[in-house]
Amino acid sequence: MKVLLATDGTKYGDAAADMAGKLKLADGDEIKIICVVDMALPMPIDIYGGYIPDTTEIEKVARENAAKVVAETSEKIRSSFGDKVDITTDVLFGSPDSRIVETAEEMKADLIVIGSHGYKQWERLLLGSVSNSVVHHAHCSVMVVRTDAA
């Protein structure tokens, strides 16, 4: 079985990792852990002045944080499965929902495990829902993990 675990380092991503650690996987099964950095942040740009901000430092910090997230998640998954499961990690850039679906297709995943932020209707309208988009566009099964209500 090939599993794609998408995490963002929040409690929602941690819940997805905890659930993935409970899967019944056999020797030789694979888990790929990814964290997608979305650099499409709204930036104020003076269209008349032509100011384009330098995002190099922001991108560097985001990449370092994402690398830390996948390393910590990998350790957590490794503690659940030991060496019987092949664990790989990757930090990706782009739209999280698109990159998750693309990665699942590339690796021919059997299952995607992803956390849900539990947005209400208006939040989902304003912020979007990565898990909802993944469910509707993935070629394989998707496990959406929710956390307990606060």
N, C-alpha and C. Protein backbone atom coordinates (compact mmCIF):
# COMPACT_ATOMS: atom_id res chain seq x y z
N MET A 1 0.84 -1.17 0.00
CA MET A 1 0.00 0.00 0.00
C MET A 1 0.89 1.24 0.00
N LYS A 2 0.49 2.23 -0.76
CA LYS A 2 1.21 3.49 -0.82
C LYS A 2 0.32 4.58 -0.23
N VAL A 3 0.84 5.26 0.79
CA VAL A 3 0.09 6.29 1.51
C VAL A 3 0.80 7.63 1.36
N LEU A 4 0.03 8.66 1.05
CA LEU A 4 0.54 10.02 1.03
C LEU A 4 -0.02 10.74 2.24
N LEU A 5 0.85 11.23 3.11
CA LEU A 5 0.45 11.98 4.30
C LEU A 5 0.82 13.43 4.08
N ALA A 6 -0.19 14.29 4.04
CA ALA A 6 0.04 15.72 3.87
C ALA A 6 -0.13 16.40 5.22
N THR A 7 0.87 17.17 5.62
CA THR A 7 0.81 17.85 6.91
C THR A 7 1.27 19.29 6.75
N ASP A 8 0.80 20.13 7.68
CA ASP A 8 1.21 21.53 7.65
C ASP A 8 1.81 21.97 8.98
N GLY A 9 2.02 21.02 9.89
CA GLY A 9 2.63 21.35 11.17
C GLY A 9 1.68 21.87 12.22
N THR A 10 0.40 21.97 11.89
CA THR A 10 -0.60 22.42 12.86
C THR A 10 -1.16 21.20 13.60
N LYS A 11 -2.05 21.46 14.55
CA LYS A 11 -2.67 20.35 15.27
C LYS A 11 -3.50 19.48 14.32
N TYR A 12 -3.94 20.05 13.21
CA TYR A 12 -4.73 19.29 12.24
C TYR A 12 -3.82 18.33 11.47
N GLY A 13 -2.66 18.80 11.10
CA GLY A 13 -1.68 17.94 10.45
C GLY A 13 -1.17 16.86 11.40
N ASP A 14 -1.00 17.23 12.68
CA ASP A 14 -0.58 16.26 13.68
C ASP A 14 -1.64 15.16 13.87
N ALA A 15 -2.90 15.55 13.83
CA ALA A 15 -3.99 14.56 13.95
C ALA A 15 -3.95 13.59 12.77
N ALA A 16 -3.66 14.11 11.58
CA ALA A 16 -3.55 13.24 10.40
C ALA A 16 -2.38 12.28 10.56
N ALA A 17 -1.25 12.78 11.09
CA ALA A 17 -0.08 11.93 11.30
C ALA A 17 -0.39 10.85 12.34
N ASP A 18 -1.09 11.22 13.40
CA ASP A 18 -1.46 10.24 14.43
C ASP A 18 -2.34 9.14 13.83
N MET A 19 -3.28 9.54 12.98
CA MET A 19 -4.16 8.55 12.34
C MET A 19 -3.37 7.66 11.38
N ALA A 20 -2.46 8.25 10.63
CA ALA A 20 -1.64 7.45 9.70
C ALA A 20 -0.81 6.44 10.48
N GLY A 21 -0.38 6.80 11.68
CA GLY A 21 0.39 5.89 12.52
C GLY A 21 -0.41 4.70 13.01
N LYS A 22 -1.73 4.77 12.90
CA LYS A 22 -2.61 3.68 13.34
C LYS A 22 -3.01 2.75 12.20
N LEU A 23 -2.60 3.09 10.97
CA LEU A 23 -2.95 2.24 9.83
C LEU A 23 -2.27 0.88 9.95
N LYS A 24 -2.92 -0.14 9.44
CA LYS A 24 -2.36 -1.48 9.43
C LYS A 24 -1.55 -1.66 8.14
N LEU A 25 -0.28 -1.37 8.23
CA LEU A 25 0.58 -1.46 7.06
C LEU A 25 1.51 -2.67 7.20
N ALA A 26 1.89 -3.22 6.08
CA ALA A 26 2.74 -4.42 6.07
C ALA A 26 4.16 -4.05 5.65
N ASP A 27 5.04 -5.02 5.78
CA ASP A 27 6.42 -4.83 5.33
C ASP A 27 6.43 -4.41 3.87
N GLY A 28 7.23 -3.39 3.58
CA GLY A 28 7.37 -2.95 2.20
C GLY A 28 6.37 -1.89 1.77
N ASP A 29 5.37 -1.61 2.62
CA ASP A 29 4.44 -0.53 2.28
C ASP A 29 5.18 0.81 2.37
N GLU A 30 4.59 1.84 1.76
CA GLU A 30 5.26 3.13 1.67
C GLU A 30 4.39 4.25 2.22
N ILE A 31 5.04 5.18 2.92
CA ILE A 31 4.39 6.42 3.33
C ILE A 31 5.27 7.56 2.86
N LYS A 32 4.67 8.47 2.13
CA LYS A 32 5.39 9.68 1.71
C LYS A 32 4.76 10.84 2.47
N ILE A 33 5.60 11.58 3.19
CA ILE A 33 5.14 12.72 3.98
C ILE A 33 5.52 13.99 3.25
N ILE A 34 4.52 14.84 3.02
CA ILE A 34 4.80 16.09 2.33
C ILE A 34 4.25 17.28 3.12
N CYS A 35 4.89 18.40 2.93
CA CYS A 35 4.41 19.68 3.43
C CYS A 35 4.49 20.64 2.25
N VAL A 36 3.39 21.28 1.95
CA VAL A 36 3.34 22.18 0.79
C VAL A 36 3.38 23.63 1.27
N VAL A 37 4.33 24.38 0.77
CA VAL A 37 4.46 25.80 1.09
C VAL A 37 3.74 26.59 0.00
N ASP A 38 2.76 27.36 0.43
CA ASP A 38 1.99 28.18 -0.49
C ASP A 38 2.51 29.60 -0.42
N MET A 39 3.27 30.01 -1.42
CA MET A 39 3.85 31.35 -1.44
C MET A 39 2.95 32.38 -2.11
N ALA A 40 1.74 32.00 -2.41
CA ALA A 40 0.79 32.93 -3.04
C ALA A 40 0.15 33.80 -1.97
N LEU A 41 0.99 34.58 -1.31
CA LEU A 41 0.50 35.47 -0.27
C LEU A 41 0.15 36.82 -0.89
N PRO A 42 -0.95 37.42 -0.45
CA PRO A 42 -1.27 38.74 -0.99
C PRO A 42 -0.25 39.77 -0.51
N MET A 43 0.38 40.44 -1.44
CA MET A 43 1.39 41.43 -1.12
C MET A 43 0.98 42.77 -1.72
N PRO A 44 1.07 43.84 -0.92
CA PRO A 44 0.73 45.15 -1.48
C PRO A 44 1.80 45.60 -2.47
N ILE A 45 1.39 45.81 -3.68
CA ILE A 45 2.33 46.26 -4.71
C ILE A 45 1.77 47.53 -5.33
N ASP A 46 2.60 48.55 -5.38
CA ASP A 46 2.21 49.79 -6.02
C ASP A 46 2.33 49.59 -7.53
N ILE A 47 1.17 49.49 -8.20
CA ILE A 47 1.21 49.21 -9.63
C ILE A 47 1.84 50.35 -10.43
N TYR A 48 1.85 51.55 -9.86
CA TYR A 48 2.45 52.68 -10.58
C TYR A 48 3.94 52.79 -10.29
N GLY A 49 4.34 52.38 -9.10
CA GLY A 49 5.75 52.47 -8.72
C GLY A 49 6.54 51.26 -9.15
N GLY A 50 5.85 50.18 -9.47
CA GLY A 50 6.53 48.99 -9.92
C GLY A 50 7.26 48.24 -8.82
N TYR A 51 6.92 48.46 -7.58
CA TYR A 51 7.60 47.80 -6.48
C TYR A 51 7.21 46.32 -6.42
N ILE A 52 8.21 45.47 -6.52
CA ILE A 52 8.00 44.03 -6.37
C ILE A 52 8.84 43.61 -5.17
N PRO A 53 8.20 43.18 -4.09
CA PRO A 53 8.96 42.84 -2.88
C PRO A 53 9.83 41.61 -3.08
N ASP A 54 10.97 41.60 -2.39
CA ASP A 54 11.88 40.45 -2.43
C ASP A 54 11.37 39.43 -1.42
N THR A 55 10.99 38.27 -1.90
CA THR A 55 10.43 37.24 -1.02
C THR A 55 11.44 36.15 -0.70
N THR A 56 12.70 36.38 -1.01
CA THR A 56 13.73 35.37 -0.81
C THR A 56 13.80 34.92 0.65
N GLU A 57 13.82 35.88 1.58
CA GLU A 57 13.92 35.54 3.00
C GLU A 57 12.66 34.84 3.49
N ILE A 58 11.51 35.28 3.05
CA ILE A 58 10.25 34.64 3.43
C ILE A 58 10.23 33.19 2.94
N GLU A 59 10.65 33.00 1.70
CA GLU A 59 10.69 31.65 1.12
C GLU A 59 11.67 30.76 1.87
N LYS A 60 12.82 31.30 2.25
CA LYS A 60 13.82 30.53 2.98
C LYS A 60 13.27 30.07 4.33
N VAL A 61 12.64 30.97 5.06
CA VAL A 61 12.07 30.62 6.36
C VAL A 61 10.94 29.60 6.20
N ALA A 62 10.11 29.78 5.18
CA ALA A 62 9.01 28.85 4.93
C ALA A 62 9.56 27.46 4.60
N ARG A 63 10.60 27.40 3.79
CA ARG A 63 11.21 26.11 3.42
C ARG A 63 11.81 25.43 4.65
N GLU A 64 12.50 26.20 5.50
CA GLU A 64 13.10 25.64 6.71
C GLU A 64 12.02 25.11 7.66
N ASN A 65 10.95 25.86 7.81
CA ASN A 65 9.86 25.43 8.68
C ASN A 65 9.21 24.16 8.14
N ALA A 66 8.98 24.11 6.85
CA ALA A 66 8.37 22.92 6.23
C ALA A 66 9.28 21.70 6.38
N ALA A 67 10.60 21.90 6.23
CA ALA A 67 11.55 20.80 6.39
C ALA A 67 11.52 20.28 7.83
N LYS A 68 11.39 21.19 8.78
CA LYS A 68 11.29 20.80 10.19
C LYS A 68 10.01 20.01 10.43
N VAL A 69 8.91 20.44 9.84
CA VAL A 69 7.62 19.76 9.99
C VAL A 69 7.69 18.34 9.45
N VAL A 70 8.23 18.15 8.26
CA VAL A 70 8.29 16.79 7.70
C VAL A 70 9.27 15.91 8.47
N ALA A 71 10.34 16.48 9.00
CA ALA A 71 11.30 15.70 9.79
C ALA A 71 10.65 15.22 11.09
N GLU A 72 9.94 16.11 11.77
CA GLU A 72 9.26 15.73 13.02
C GLU A 72 8.17 14.70 12.76
N THR A 73 7.42 14.89 11.69
CA THR A 73 6.36 13.95 11.35
C THR A 73 6.94 12.60 10.97
N SER A 74 8.06 12.61 10.27
CA SER A 74 8.72 11.37 9.89
C SER A 74 9.15 10.59 11.14
N GLU A 75 9.69 11.28 12.14
CA GLU A 75 10.09 10.63 13.38
C GLU A 75 8.88 10.00 14.07
N LYS A 76 7.76 10.72 14.08
CA LYS A 76 6.54 10.21 14.70
C LYS A 76 6.05 8.95 13.98
N ILE A 77 6.06 8.97 12.66
CA ILE A 77 5.61 7.81 11.88
C ILE A 77 6.59 6.65 12.06
N ARG A 78 7.89 6.96 12.09
CA ARG A 78 8.90 5.93 12.27
C ARG A 78 8.73 5.23 13.62
N SER A 79 8.32 5.98 14.64
CA SER A 79 8.11 5.36 15.96
C SER A 79 6.92 4.41 15.95
N SER A 80 5.98 4.63 15.04
CA SER A 80 4.82 3.74 14.93
C SER A 80 5.13 2.47 14.15
N PHE A 81 5.95 2.58 13.11
CA PHE A 81 6.16 1.47 12.19
C PHE A 81 7.57 0.88 12.21
N GLY A 82 8.51 1.56 12.79
CA GLY A 82 9.89 1.08 12.76
C GLY A 82 10.42 1.09 11.33
N ASP A 83 11.17 0.04 11.00
CA ASP A 83 11.78 -0.02 9.67
C ASP A 83 10.98 -0.83 8.67
N LYS A 84 9.79 -1.33 9.07
CA LYS A 84 9.05 -2.18 8.14
C LYS A 84 8.38 -1.40 7.02
N VAL A 85 8.22 -0.08 7.22
CA VAL A 85 7.57 0.77 6.22
C VAL A 85 8.60 1.75 5.67
N ASP A 86 8.60 1.92 4.36
CA ASP A 86 9.50 2.86 3.69
C ASP A 86 8.91 4.26 3.82
N ILE A 87 9.64 5.16 4.48
CA ILE A 87 9.16 6.52 4.71
C ILE A 87 10.04 7.49 3.94
N THR A 88 9.40 8.32 3.11
CA THR A 88 10.11 9.39 2.40
C THR A 88 9.43 10.71 2.71
N THR A 89 10.15 11.79 2.52
CA THR A 89 9.61 13.12 2.80
C THR A 89 9.92 14.06 1.64
N ASP A 90 9.12 15.12 1.56
CA ASP A 90 9.35 16.12 0.52
C ASP A 90 8.71 17.43 0.94
N VAL A 91 9.36 18.53 0.59
CA VAL A 91 8.80 19.87 0.75
C VAL A 91 8.49 20.38 -0.64
N LEU A 92 7.25 20.76 -0.85
CA LEU A 92 6.80 21.20 -2.17
C LEU A 92 6.34 22.65 -2.10
N PHE A 93 6.35 23.32 -3.24
CA PHE A 93 5.86 24.68 -3.33
C PHE A 93 4.70 24.74 -4.31
N GLY A 94 3.71 25.57 -4.00
CA GLY A 94 2.58 25.76 -4.89
C GLY A 94 1.27 25.74 -4.14
N SER A 95 0.22 25.51 -4.88
CA SER A 95 -1.12 25.43 -4.29
C SER A 95 -1.24 24.09 -3.57
N PRO A 96 -1.50 24.09 -2.26
CA PRO A 96 -1.49 22.83 -1.51
C PRO A 96 -2.41 21.75 -2.08
N ASP A 97 -3.64 22.10 -2.42
CA ASP A 97 -4.55 21.07 -2.93
C ASP A 97 -4.05 20.48 -4.24
N SER A 98 -3.58 21.30 -5.14
CA SER A 98 -3.08 20.81 -6.43
C SER A 98 -1.83 19.95 -6.26
N ARG A 99 -0.91 20.41 -5.43
CA ARG A 99 0.34 19.67 -5.25
C ARG A 99 0.11 18.32 -4.55
N ILE A 100 -0.85 18.27 -3.62
CA ILE A 100 -1.16 17.01 -2.95
C ILE A 100 -1.72 16.01 -3.95
N VAL A 101 -2.66 16.44 -4.76
CA VAL A 101 -3.27 15.56 -5.76
C VAL A 101 -2.23 15.12 -6.79
N GLU A 102 -1.41 16.05 -7.27
CA GLU A 102 -0.37 15.71 -8.25
C GLU A 102 0.61 14.69 -7.69
N THR A 103 1.03 14.89 -6.45
CA THR A 103 2.00 13.99 -5.83
C THR A 103 1.39 12.60 -5.66
N ALA A 104 0.13 12.55 -5.26
CA ALA A 104 -0.55 11.26 -5.11
C ALA A 104 -0.61 10.53 -6.44
N GLU A 105 -0.89 11.25 -7.52
CA GLU A 105 -0.94 10.63 -8.84
C GLU A 105 0.44 10.14 -9.27
N GLU A 106 1.47 10.96 -9.04
CA GLU A 106 2.84 10.60 -9.43
C GLU A 106 3.32 9.32 -8.73
N MET A 107 2.99 9.21 -7.45
CA MET A 107 3.46 8.04 -6.69
C MET A 107 2.48 6.86 -6.75
N LYS A 108 1.36 7.08 -7.46
CA LYS A 108 0.31 6.06 -7.55
C LYS A 108 -0.16 5.63 -6.16
N ALA A 109 -0.49 6.64 -5.34
CA ALA A 109 -0.92 6.40 -3.97
C ALA A 109 -2.26 5.67 -3.93
N ASP A 110 -2.40 4.83 -2.91
CA ASP A 110 -3.66 4.15 -2.66
C ASP A 110 -4.54 4.95 -1.71
N LEU A 111 -3.90 5.82 -0.91
CA LEU A 111 -4.61 6.57 0.11
C LEU A 111 -3.89 7.88 0.39
N ILE A 112 -4.67 8.95 0.54
CA ILE A 112 -4.15 10.24 0.99
C ILE A 112 -4.72 10.47 2.39
N VAL A 113 -3.86 10.83 3.33
CA VAL A 113 -4.30 11.17 4.67
C VAL A 113 -4.02 12.65 4.88
N ILE A 114 -5.06 13.40 5.26
CA ILE A 114 -4.95 14.85 5.40
C ILE A 114 -5.83 15.31 6.55
N GLY A 115 -5.38 16.34 7.24
CA GLY A 115 -6.17 16.90 8.34
C GLY A 115 -7.16 17.92 7.82
N SER A 116 -8.21 18.14 8.60
CA SER A 116 -9.22 19.14 8.26
C SER A 116 -9.21 20.23 9.31
N HIS A 117 -9.18 21.46 8.86
CA HIS A 117 -9.22 22.59 9.79
C HIS A 117 -10.63 22.81 10.33
N GLY A 118 -11.62 22.14 9.75
CA GLY A 118 -12.98 22.23 10.27
C GLY A 118 -13.62 23.59 10.06
N TYR A 119 -13.30 24.22 8.94
CA TYR A 119 -13.89 25.52 8.67
C TYR A 119 -15.40 25.44 8.53
N LYS A 120 -16.05 26.47 9.01
CA LYS A 120 -17.49 26.60 8.83
C LYS A 120 -17.73 27.17 7.43
N GLN A 121 -19.00 27.30 7.06
CA GLN A 121 -19.36 27.69 5.69
C GLN A 121 -18.68 28.99 5.25
N TRP A 122 -18.72 30.03 6.05
CA TRP A 122 -18.16 31.31 5.64
C TRP A 122 -16.64 31.28 5.60
N GLU A 123 -16.02 30.59 6.56
CA GLU A 123 -14.57 30.47 6.55
C GLU A 123 -14.11 29.72 5.31
N ARG A 124 -14.83 28.65 4.98
CA ARG A 124 -14.48 27.85 3.81
C ARG A 124 -14.61 28.69 2.54
N LEU A 125 -15.63 29.54 2.51
CA LEU A 125 -15.84 30.41 1.35
C LEU A 125 -14.69 31.40 1.20
N LEU A 126 -14.25 31.98 2.32
CA LEU A 126 -13.19 32.98 2.27
C LEU A 126 -11.80 32.37 2.15
N LEU A 127 -11.55 31.29 2.87
CA LEU A 127 -10.21 30.72 2.94
C LEU A 127 -10.01 29.53 2.03
N GLY A 128 -11.10 28.90 1.62
CA GLY A 128 -11.00 27.68 0.83
C GLY A 128 -10.79 26.48 1.73
N SER A 129 -10.95 25.32 1.18
CA SER A 129 -10.76 24.09 1.94
C SER A 129 -9.88 23.16 1.13
N VAL A 130 -8.66 22.98 1.61
CA VAL A 130 -7.72 22.10 0.92
C VAL A 130 -8.25 20.67 0.92
N SER A 131 -8.70 20.21 2.09
CA SER A 131 -9.16 18.82 2.18
C SER A 131 -10.36 18.58 1.27
N ASN A 132 -11.27 19.53 1.18
CA ASN A 132 -12.44 19.38 0.31
C ASN A 132 -12.01 19.27 -1.15
N SER A 133 -11.08 20.11 -1.56
CA SER A 133 -10.59 20.07 -2.93
C SER A 133 -9.88 18.76 -3.23
N VAL A 134 -9.07 18.28 -2.28
CA VAL A 134 -8.36 17.02 -2.47
C VAL A 134 -9.36 15.87 -2.62
N VAL A 135 -10.39 15.85 -1.78
CA VAL A 135 -11.41 14.80 -1.86
C VAL A 135 -12.04 14.77 -3.24
N HIS A 136 -12.32 15.94 -3.80
CA HIS A 136 -13.02 16.01 -5.08
C HIS A 136 -12.12 15.80 -6.30
N HIS A 137 -10.81 15.91 -6.14
CA HIS A 137 -9.93 15.80 -7.29
C HIS A 137 -8.97 14.61 -7.27
N ALA A 138 -8.86 13.94 -6.14
CA ALA A 138 -7.91 12.83 -6.03
C ALA A 138 -8.39 11.61 -6.79
N HIS A 139 -7.44 10.84 -7.30
CA HIS A 139 -7.75 9.61 -8.04
C HIS A 139 -7.91 8.41 -7.10
N CYS A 140 -7.56 8.61 -5.83
CA CYS A 140 -7.59 7.50 -4.87
C CYS A 140 -8.43 7.89 -3.66
N SER A 141 -8.51 6.98 -2.71
CA SER A 141 -9.26 7.26 -1.48
C SER A 141 -8.56 8.35 -0.66
N VAL A 142 -9.36 9.12 0.05
CA VAL A 142 -8.82 10.21 0.88
C VAL A 142 -9.41 10.05 2.29
N MET A 143 -8.54 10.04 3.29
CA MET A 143 -8.97 10.01 4.68
C MET A 143 -8.79 11.42 5.24
N VAL A 144 -9.91 12.07 5.56
CA VAL A 144 -9.86 13.41 6.14
C VAL A 144 -10.02 13.25 7.65
N VAL A 145 -9.02 13.70 8.38
CA VAL A 145 -8.98 13.51 9.82
C VAL A 145 -9.37 14.82 10.50
N ARG A 146 -10.33 14.72 11.41
CA ARG A 146 -10.75 15.90 12.18
C ARG A 146 -10.20 15.80 13.59
N THR A 147 -10.06 16.95 14.23
CA THR A 147 -9.64 16.99 15.62
C THR A 147 -10.88 17.17 16.49
N ASP A 148 -10.72 16.96 17.78
CA ASP A 148 -11.82 17.19 18.70
C ASP A 148 -12.16 18.67 18.71
N ALA A 149 -13.44 18.97 18.94
CA ALA A 149 -13.87 20.37 19.01
C ALA A 149 -13.22 21.04 20.21
N ALA A 150 -12.82 22.28 20.03
CA ALA A 150 -12.15 23.02 21.12
C ALA A 150 -13.14 23.34 22.22
